[in-house]
Amino acid sequence: LGLIVLVGVPLILAIAAPLLRPYRDRELAHRELVGELSTHATDLVAGLRVLRGIGGEPLFSRRYRAESQRVRAAGVAAARAETRLSGAEVLLPGLLIALVTWVGARFAVSGTIGVGELVAFYGYAVFLIVPLKTLGEAAGKITKGLVAAGRVTALLSIDPELPDAGTARPAAGSELVDIASGLVVRPGRVTAIAAADPRDAQAIADRLGRYAPGEVDFGGVPLHGVADLRKRILVAVNEDRLFAGSLAESLAPDGDEATLRAAIRSACAEDIVASSGLDAYVAEAGREFSGGQQQRLRLARALAADPDVLVLVEPTSAVDAHTEARIADRLRPARAGRTTVVCTTSPLMLDRADHVAFVQGGHVVAEGTHRDLLETEPRYAATVTRGEATEQAERAGR
């Protein structure tokens, strides 16, 4: 009887072990599909208004239902594998107990052992069921944990597209040069980038902030060699999010109130603060604010950060012309002594800039003031006029 138990316990473990691998694989597949579906659900909620506007809601709903069924099928497959493992945790020890009881009963009938010895040995064998079941449950939980840990490890092991920054510290009034486009941003000025294709301006902004690879020098030092780059060069785009919390914490968590209020005034966001106050709670992504209000709050946050170089991408595309004119007038005083780059085709913003670079095909093809370029560069005039008409149409639609 002891030999049966001695051989049976390792045999049970050997039989149950192969059940763990399919359970792990199916659990991993289920987790990955759940992650993808959650991402699509987030996209659906965030872009529901746009989807309804273009009539894409039914198509997205059909795709979501199809993916949801895939997740359901993967979940059922994982549950089946888990059920087999749970069943083995009960069945295999039960078979061992049945075998021990049957053999012991035969020995008792033949007189090899007494009835008392049979009962005692049965009790010993039953006692083994609990640790065996615990071991099986632990194996299942460890498998789930390994799947989750594997996903986290895979995320953490992703190599950054851009290596860590260096240790050089160029002076605050340093020149910023984008070699690929030929753009030269001189310190202490408001430089505007007007691009025939908005994607070209966005690409330059990404390179200036080192969000995309490229040859950019800051004070003669390549960006990858500049220390504290994110503090010194800030790129503000319309996709930036407002975080949940108080308005003051969302706009300037480390700044003082005077600096924040000055930034709010420069961004023409006083009406927002006047109605809600700096202590007002901001929901996730600032859902309670309109598009224009969110844009002005993002601009205020960027100005409150007060970086050496501030790159603004279409900072006034969602506001009315009157508000845009006030922002254009206040931006230069707010950034006095600092370097500012504005990617825009708005005549109001371009007219207030110290210097305008016209980009076509990814390269600077003309430079000067807004009024000079209107007179000397027909392509620039066409781009600015087209951009003004587009903005007016968008504002009329809002």
Protein backbone atom coordinates (compact mmCIF):
# COMPACT_ATOMS: atom_id res chain seq x y z
CA LEU A 1 0.00 0.00 0.00
CA GLY A 2 2.83 2.38 0.83
CA LEU A 3 4.43 1.59 -2.52
CA ILE A 4 1.17 2.42 -4.31
CA VAL A 5 1.04 5.82 -2.61
CA LEU A 6 4.76 6.43 -3.17
CA VAL A 7 4.40 5.75 -6.89
CA GLY A 8 0.90 7.19 -7.27
CA VAL A 9 1.58 10.72 -6.03
CA PRO A 10 4.40 11.48 -8.52
CA LEU A 11 2.33 9.78 -11.22
CA ILE A 12 -0.60 12.11 -10.51
CA LEU A 13 1.70 15.12 -10.82
CA ALA A 14 3.15 13.76 -14.06
CA ILE A 15 -0.32 13.30 -15.55
CA ALA A 16 -1.55 16.76 -14.45
CA ALA A 17 1.55 18.64 -15.64
CA PRO A 18 0.77 18.38 -19.41
CA LEU A 19 -2.60 20.02 -18.75
CA LEU A 20 -0.87 23.24 -17.66
CA ARG A 21 0.67 24.09 -21.03
CA PRO A 22 -2.56 24.26 -23.08
CA TYR A 23 -4.16 26.16 -20.21
CA ARG A 24 -1.33 28.70 -20.28
CA ASP A 25 -1.44 29.09 -24.08
CA ARG A 26 -5.21 29.59 -24.15
CA GLU A 27 -5.12 31.99 -21.21
CA LEU A 28 -2.42 34.01 -22.97
CA ALA A 29 -4.44 34.14 -26.20
CA HIS A 30 -7.52 35.23 -24.24
CA ARG A 31 -5.64 38.00 -22.42
CA GLU A 32 -4.22 39.35 -25.68
CA LEU A 33 -7.64 39.45 -27.34
CA VAL A 34 -9.16 41.14 -24.27
CA GLY A 35 -6.43 43.80 -24.44
CA GLU A 36 -7.11 44.44 -28.13
CA LEU A 37 -10.86 44.61 -27.56
CA SER A 38 -10.40 47.05 -24.66
CA THR A 39 -8.28 49.28 -26.89
CA HIS A 40 -10.94 49.28 -29.58
CA ALA A 41 -13.64 50.01 -27.01
CA THR A 42 -11.64 53.01 -25.79
CA ASP A 43 -11.26 54.23 -29.37
CA LEU A 44 -15.00 53.81 -29.89
CA VAL A 45 -15.91 55.88 -26.84
CA ALA A 46 -13.33 58.58 -27.62
CA GLY A 47 -14.32 58.89 -31.27
CA LEU A 48 -18.04 58.21 -31.05
CA ARG A 49 -18.97 61.73 -32.11
CA VAL A 50 -16.70 61.54 -35.16
CA LEU A 51 -17.97 58.07 -36.08
CA ARG A 52 -21.55 59.29 -35.96
CA GLY A 53 -20.63 62.30 -38.03
CA ILE A 54 -19.17 60.23 -40.88
CA GLY A 55 -21.69 57.41 -40.58
CA GLY A 56 -19.09 54.90 -39.46
CA GLU A 57 -20.81 53.77 -36.27
CA PRO A 58 -22.56 50.69 -37.82
CA LEU A 59 -19.33 49.45 -39.41
CA PHE A 60 -17.37 49.88 -36.19
CA SER A 61 -20.16 48.16 -34.25
CA ARG A 62 -20.06 45.16 -36.56
CA ARG A 63 -16.31 44.91 -36.20
CA TYR A 64 -16.58 45.24 -32.45
CA ARG A 65 -19.19 42.48 -32.27
CA ALA A 66 -17.03 40.19 -34.39
CA GLU A 67 -14.00 40.82 -32.17
CA SER A 68 -16.15 40.36 -29.08
CA GLN A 69 -17.14 36.91 -30.34
CA ARG A 70 -13.47 36.06 -30.83
CA VAL A 71 -12.80 37.07 -27.23
CA ARG A 72 -15.77 34.98 -26.10
CA ALA A 73 -14.49 31.94 -28.00
CA ALA A 74 -11.00 32.39 -26.55
CA GLY A 75 -12.47 32.75 -23.06
CA VAL A 76 -14.49 29.55 -23.46
CA ALA A 77 -11.38 27.72 -24.67
CA ALA A 78 -9.40 28.97 -21.67
CA ALA A 79 -12.25 27.99 -19.33
CA ARG A 80 -12.33 24.49 -20.80
CA ALA A 81 -8.62 24.06 -20.21
CA GLU A 82 -9.04 25.35 -16.65
CA THR A 83 -11.96 22.95 -16.12
CA ARG A 84 -9.87 19.99 -17.25
CA LEU A 85 -7.17 21.01 -14.80
CA SER A 86 -9.71 21.41 -11.98
CA GLY A 87 -11.26 18.05 -12.83
CA ALA A 88 -7.88 16.37 -12.75
CA GLU A 89 -7.28 17.86 -9.30
CA VAL A 90 -10.32 15.89 -8.03
CA LEU A 91 -10.28 12.82 -10.26
CA LEU A 92 -6.66 11.72 -9.99
CA PRO A 93 -6.41 11.80 -6.16
CA GLY A 94 -9.82 10.07 -6.05
CA LEU A 95 -8.54 7.27 -8.28
CA LEU A 96 -5.51 6.90 -6.03
CA ILE A 97 -7.73 6.60 -2.94
CA ALA A 98 -9.97 4.09 -4.72
CA LEU A 99 -6.95 2.01 -5.72
CA VAL A 100 -5.51 2.08 -2.21
CA THR A 101 -8.90 1.10 -0.75
CA TRP A 102 -9.41 -1.74 -3.23
CA VAL A 103 -5.94 -3.22 -2.73
CA GLY A 104 -6.18 -2.77 1.04
CA ALA A 105 -9.58 -4.49 1.11
CA ARG A 106 -8.18 -7.47 -0.77
CA PHE A 107 -5.28 -7.66 1.71
CA ALA A 108 -7.73 -7.46 4.62
CA VAL A 109 -9.91 -10.23 3.18
CA SER A 110 -6.88 -12.46 2.66
CA GLY A 111 -5.70 -11.75 6.20
CA THR A 112 -2.48 -10.03 5.13
CA ILE A 113 -3.42 -6.91 7.11
CA GLY A 114 -6.00 -6.25 9.76
CA VAL A 115 -9.12 -4.10 9.40
CA GLY A 116 -7.62 -1.50 11.75
CA GLU A 117 -4.52 -1.21 9.57
CA LEU A 118 -6.74 -0.78 6.49
CA VAL A 119 -8.71 2.02 8.14
CA ALA A 120 -5.51 3.74 9.31
CA PHE A 121 -3.92 3.53 5.88
CA TYR A 122 -7.12 4.79 4.26
CA GLY A 123 -6.99 7.80 6.59
CA TYR A 124 -3.36 8.48 5.61
CA ALA A 125 -4.25 8.30 1.92
CA VAL A 126 -7.27 10.61 2.30
CA PHE A 127 -5.06 13.09 4.15
CA LEU A 128 -2.96 13.40 0.97
CA ILE A 129 -5.94 14.66 -1.06
CA VAL A 130 -5.84 18.15 0.50
CA PRO A 131 -2.16 18.93 -0.25
CA LEU A 132 -2.52 17.43 -3.74
CA LYS A 133 -5.55 19.63 -4.45
CA THR A 134 -3.76 22.65 -3.00
CA LEU A 135 -0.78 21.92 -5.22
CA GLY A 136 -3.04 21.74 -8.28
CA GLU A 137 -4.77 25.03 -7.43
CA ALA A 138 -1.40 26.68 -6.85
CA ALA A 139 -0.19 25.44 -10.24
CA GLY A 140 -3.24 27.00 -11.92
CA LYS A 141 -2.77 30.33 -10.16
CA ILE A 142 0.95 30.34 -10.90
CA THR A 143 0.15 29.72 -14.57
CA LYS A 144 -2.20 32.72 -14.60
CA GLY A 145 0.43 34.80 -12.84
CA LEU A 146 3.09 33.79 -15.35
CA VAL A 147 0.81 34.81 -18.22
CA ALA A 148 0.22 38.24 -16.65
CA ALA A 149 3.90 38.64 -15.76
CA GLY A 150 4.86 37.69 -19.31
CA ARG A 151 2.71 40.47 -20.75
CA VAL A 152 4.18 43.02 -18.35
CA THR A 153 7.72 41.82 -19.07
CA ALA A 154 7.10 42.01 -22.81
CA LEU A 155 5.98 45.62 -22.43
CA LEU A 156 8.91 46.60 -20.22
CA SER A 157 11.43 44.91 -22.51
CA ILE A 158 10.45 46.98 -25.56
CA ASP A 159 13.50 48.91 -26.67
CA PRO A 160 12.90 52.67 -26.92
CA GLU A 161 12.84 54.01 -30.46
CA LEU A 162 15.17 56.76 -29.34
CA PRO A 163 18.05 56.14 -26.92
CA ASP A 164 18.42 58.03 -23.67
CA ALA A 165 19.56 61.65 -23.78
CA GLY A 166 23.09 62.73 -23.00
CA THR A 167 24.61 65.16 -20.54
CA ALA A 168 25.27 68.32 -22.57
CA ARG A 169 23.56 71.51 -21.40
CA PRO A 170 23.43 74.16 -24.15
CA ALA A 171 22.73 77.72 -23.07
CA ALA A 172 19.09 78.79 -22.84
CA GLY A 173 19.49 81.20 -25.76
CA SER A 174 20.77 78.58 -28.18
CA GLU A 175 19.85 78.17 -31.82
CA LEU A 176 17.74 75.17 -32.84
CA VAL A 177 18.41 73.71 -36.29
CA ASP A 178 16.46 70.99 -38.11
CA ILE A 179 18.92 69.79 -40.72
CA ALA A 180 16.41 67.70 -42.69
CA SER A 181 14.14 70.64 -43.51
CA GLY A 182 16.72 73.42 -43.30
CA LEU A 183 14.75 75.19 -40.56
CA VAL A 184 16.77 77.48 -38.30
CA VAL A 185 14.99 78.64 -35.14
CA ARG A 186 16.74 81.65 -33.68
CA PRO A 187 16.56 82.17 -29.91
CA GLY A 188 14.20 84.58 -28.21
CA ARG A 189 11.87 84.89 -31.20
CA VAL A 190 8.49 83.63 -32.31
CA THR A 191 9.09 81.53 -35.41
CA ALA A 192 6.11 80.31 -37.41
CA ILE A 193 6.12 77.27 -39.69
CA ALA A 194 3.55 77.40 -42.47
CA ALA A 195 3.43 74.16 -44.44
CA ALA A 196 1.53 73.37 -47.61
CA ASP A 197 1.00 69.91 -46.12
CA PRO A 198 0.24 69.97 -42.36
CA ARG A 199 2.01 66.62 -42.01
CA ASP A 200 5.31 68.30 -42.90
CA ALA A 201 4.91 70.79 -40.06
CA GLN A 202 3.97 67.99 -37.66
CA ALA A 203 7.05 66.00 -38.73
CA ILE A 204 9.30 68.99 -38.05
CA ALA A 205 7.69 69.51 -34.63
CA ASP A 206 8.24 65.84 -33.78
CA ARG A 207 11.91 66.10 -34.72
CA LEU A 208 12.39 69.34 -32.78
CA GLY A 209 11.03 67.62 -29.67
CA ARG A 210 12.88 64.38 -30.45
CA TYR A 211 9.68 62.39 -30.69
CA ALA A 212 10.90 61.17 -34.07
CA PRO A 213 14.44 60.42 -35.25
CA GLY A 214 16.24 63.15 -37.14
CA GLU A 215 19.28 65.38 -37.22
CA VAL A 216 18.50 68.35 -35.00
CA ASP A 217 21.09 70.50 -33.24
CA PHE A 218 20.45 72.60 -30.15
CA GLY A 219 23.26 75.07 -29.57
CA GLY A 220 25.54 72.94 -31.75
CA VAL A 221 24.74 69.78 -29.76
CA PRO A 222 22.67 66.95 -31.30
CA LEU A 223 19.40 66.51 -29.43
CA HIS A 224 20.33 63.00 -28.33
CA GLY A 225 23.20 64.54 -26.38
CA VAL A 226 21.12 67.16 -24.53
CA ALA A 227 20.30 66.56 -20.87
CA ASP A 228 16.78 67.23 -19.51
CA LEU A 229 15.50 67.58 -23.06
CA ARG A 230 11.83 67.23 -22.13
CA LYS A 231 12.11 70.10 -19.66
CA ARG A 232 13.91 72.34 -22.13
CA ILE A 233 11.96 71.64 -25.32
CA LEU A 234 8.20 71.15 -25.05
CA VAL A 235 6.00 70.16 -27.98
CA ALA A 236 2.29 70.88 -27.43
CA VAL A 237 -0.21 69.27 -29.81
CA ASN A 238 -3.99 69.11 -29.88
CA GLU A 239 -3.95 65.42 -28.94
CA ASP A 240 -2.50 66.21 -25.51
CA ARG A 241 -4.85 65.16 -22.71
CA LEU A 242 -6.18 66.99 -19.70
CA PHE A 243 -5.84 64.80 -16.63
CA ALA A 244 -8.44 64.13 -13.98
CA GLY A 245 -8.08 66.19 -10.82
CA SER A 246 -8.35 69.85 -9.94
CA LEU A 247 -7.87 72.36 -12.73
CA ALA A 248 -4.75 73.75 -11.05
CA GLU A 249 -3.20 70.29 -10.73
CA SER A 250 -3.99 69.49 -14.35
CA LEU A 251 -2.47 72.70 -15.70
CA ALA A 252 0.53 73.28 -13.43
CA PRO A 253 1.07 70.64 -10.73
CA ASP A 254 4.44 72.11 -9.73
CA GLY A 255 3.86 75.79 -10.56
CA ASP A 256 2.77 78.72 -8.44
CA GLU A 257 -0.64 80.31 -8.81
CA ALA A 258 0.66 83.64 -10.13
CA THR A 259 2.51 81.95 -13.00
CA LEU A 260 -0.51 79.80 -13.78
CA ARG A 261 -2.90 82.75 -13.84
CA ALA A 262 -0.55 84.64 -16.16
CA ALA A 263 -0.48 81.63 -18.49
CA ILE A 264 -4.27 81.37 -18.35
CA ARG A 265 -4.60 85.01 -19.33
CA SER A 266 -2.14 84.59 -22.21
CA ALA A 267 -4.20 81.64 -23.46
CA CYS A 268 -7.44 83.66 -23.13
CA ALA A 269 -8.84 81.06 -20.77
CA GLU A 270 -9.93 83.45 -18.01
CA ASP A 271 -13.61 82.82 -18.74
CA ILE A 272 -13.14 79.09 -18.08
CA VAL A 273 -11.44 79.69 -14.75
CA ALA A 274 -13.90 82.42 -13.77
CA SER A 275 -16.83 80.05 -14.14
CA SER A 276 -15.30 77.02 -12.42
CA GLY A 277 -12.26 78.21 -10.45
CA LEU A 278 -8.82 76.62 -10.21
CA ASP A 279 -10.05 74.12 -7.63
CA ALA A 280 -12.81 72.81 -9.89
CA TYR A 281 -12.63 69.10 -10.65
CA VAL A 282 -11.64 68.14 -14.19
CA ALA A 283 -12.97 64.83 -15.50
CA GLU A 284 -10.80 62.41 -17.45
CA ALA A 285 -9.65 64.03 -20.72
CA GLY A 286 -11.53 67.22 -19.79
CA ARG A 287 -14.81 65.90 -21.16
CA GLU A 288 -16.84 68.72 -19.63
CA PHE A 289 -15.03 71.34 -21.74
CA SER A 290 -15.69 72.15 -25.38
CA GLY A 291 -13.01 71.66 -28.03
CA GLY A 292 -12.05 75.32 -27.96
CA GLN A 293 -11.91 75.39 -24.16
CA GLN A 294 -9.72 72.29 -24.07
CA GLN A 295 -7.38 73.85 -26.62
CA ARG A 296 -7.00 77.03 -24.59
CA LEU A 297 -6.39 75.06 -21.40
CA ARG A 298 -3.72 72.99 -23.15
CA LEU A 299 -2.08 76.20 -24.34
CA ALA A 300 -2.19 77.60 -20.79
CA ARG A 301 -0.54 74.44 -19.48
CA ALA A 302 2.22 74.70 -22.09
CA LEU A 303 2.84 78.37 -21.28
CA ALA A 304 2.87 77.68 -17.53
CA ALA A 305 5.63 75.08 -18.06
CA ASP A 306 7.84 77.91 -19.41
CA PRO A 307 10.37 75.75 -21.33
CA ASP A 308 13.39 77.19 -23.12
CA VAL A 309 11.80 76.18 -26.43
CA LEU A 310 8.04 75.83 -26.86
CA VAL A 311 6.70 74.21 -30.04
CA LEU A 312 2.97 74.76 -30.59
CA VAL A 313 1.14 72.77 -33.28
CA GLU A 314 -2.05 74.51 -34.48
CA PRO A 315 -2.71 76.07 -31.05
CA THR A 316 -5.76 78.09 -32.17
CA SER A 317 -7.50 75.81 -34.69
CA ALA A 318 -10.58 75.31 -32.47
CA VAL A 319 -11.18 78.90 -31.29
CA ASP A 320 -13.07 81.75 -32.93
CA ALA A 321 -11.29 84.52 -34.81
CA HIS A 322 -11.69 87.10 -32.03
CA THR A 323 -10.16 84.77 -29.43
CA GLU A 324 -7.42 83.77 -31.85
CA ALA A 325 -6.47 87.41 -32.38
CA ARG A 326 -6.18 87.98 -28.63
CA ILE A 327 -4.07 84.84 -28.20
CA ALA A 328 -1.80 85.95 -31.04
CA ASP A 329 -1.34 89.36 -29.39
CA ARG A 330 -0.59 87.88 -25.96
CA LEU A 331 1.69 85.03 -27.01
CA ARG A 332 4.77 87.11 -27.77
CA PRO A 333 4.79 89.02 -24.43
CA ALA A 334 4.15 85.77 -22.58
CA ARG A 335 7.19 84.18 -24.24
CA ALA A 336 9.48 87.20 -24.10
CA GLY A 337 13.11 86.08 -23.98
CA ARG A 338 12.16 82.49 -24.79
CA THR A 339 12.12 80.63 -28.09
CA THR A 340 8.71 79.80 -29.54
CA VAL A 341 7.82 77.82 -32.66
CA VAL A 342 4.24 77.87 -33.95
CA CYS A 343 3.10 75.44 -36.65
CA THR A 344 0.09 77.10 -38.26
CA THR A 345 -1.42 78.51 -41.44
CA SER A 346 -3.56 81.04 -39.58
CA PRO A 347 -2.93 84.56 -40.95
CA LEU A 348 -3.56 86.05 -37.50
CA MET A 349 -0.85 83.93 -35.89
CA LEU A 350 1.54 84.27 -38.83
CA ASP A 351 1.22 88.06 -38.85
CA ARG A 352 2.33 88.26 -35.18
CA ALA A 353 5.36 86.01 -35.67
CA ASP A 354 8.85 87.51 -35.84
CA HIS A 355 9.84 85.12 -38.61
CA VAL A 356 7.91 82.77 -40.91
CA ALA A 357 9.32 79.70 -42.65
CA PHE A 358 7.29 78.30 -45.53
CA VAL A 359 7.68 74.53 -45.90
CA GLN A 360 6.85 72.55 -48.99
CA GLY A 361 7.82 68.95 -49.64
CA GLY A 362 9.39 68.75 -46.20
CA HIS A 363 11.89 71.58 -46.84
CA VAL A 364 11.97 75.30 -46.12
CA VAL A 365 11.52 76.98 -49.50
CA ALA A 366 10.97 80.57 -48.39
CA GLU A 367 11.49 82.70 -45.29
CA GLY A 368 10.62 86.18 -44.11
CA THR A 369 7.78 88.01 -42.45
CA HIS A 370 4.19 87.11 -43.15
CA ARG A 371 3.52 90.22 -45.21
CA ASP A 372 6.73 89.90 -47.22
CA LEU A 373 5.94 86.29 -48.10
CA LEU A 374 2.40 87.21 -49.15
CA GLU A 375 3.88 89.62 -51.69
CA THR A 376 6.83 87.53 -52.90
CA GLU A 377 5.79 83.88 -52.60
CA PRO A 378 2.57 82.87 -54.44
CA ARG A 379 2.68 79.33 -53.04
CA TYR A 380 2.72 80.73 -49.52
CA ALA A 381 -0.18 83.07 -50.26
CA ALA A 382 -2.20 80.19 -51.70
CA THR A 383 -1.49 78.00 -48.68
CA VAL A 384 -2.41 80.68 -46.16
CA THR A 385 -5.57 81.64 -48.04
CA ARG A 386 -6.64 78.00 -48.30
CA GLY A 387 -5.90 77.47 -44.60
CA GLU A 388 -7.96 80.53 -43.68
CA ALA A 389 -10.92 79.30 -45.73
CA THR A 390 -10.69 75.84 -44.15
CA GLU A 391 -10.57 77.28 -40.62
CA GLN A 392 -13.58 79.49 -41.30
CA ALA A 393 -15.54 76.50 -42.61
CA GLU A 394 -14.60 74.40 -39.57
CA ARG A 395 -15.56 77.17 -37.17
CA ALA A 396 -18.87 77.66 -38.97
CA GLY A 397 -19.51 73.93 -38.58
CA ARG A 398 -18.78 74.08 -34.84
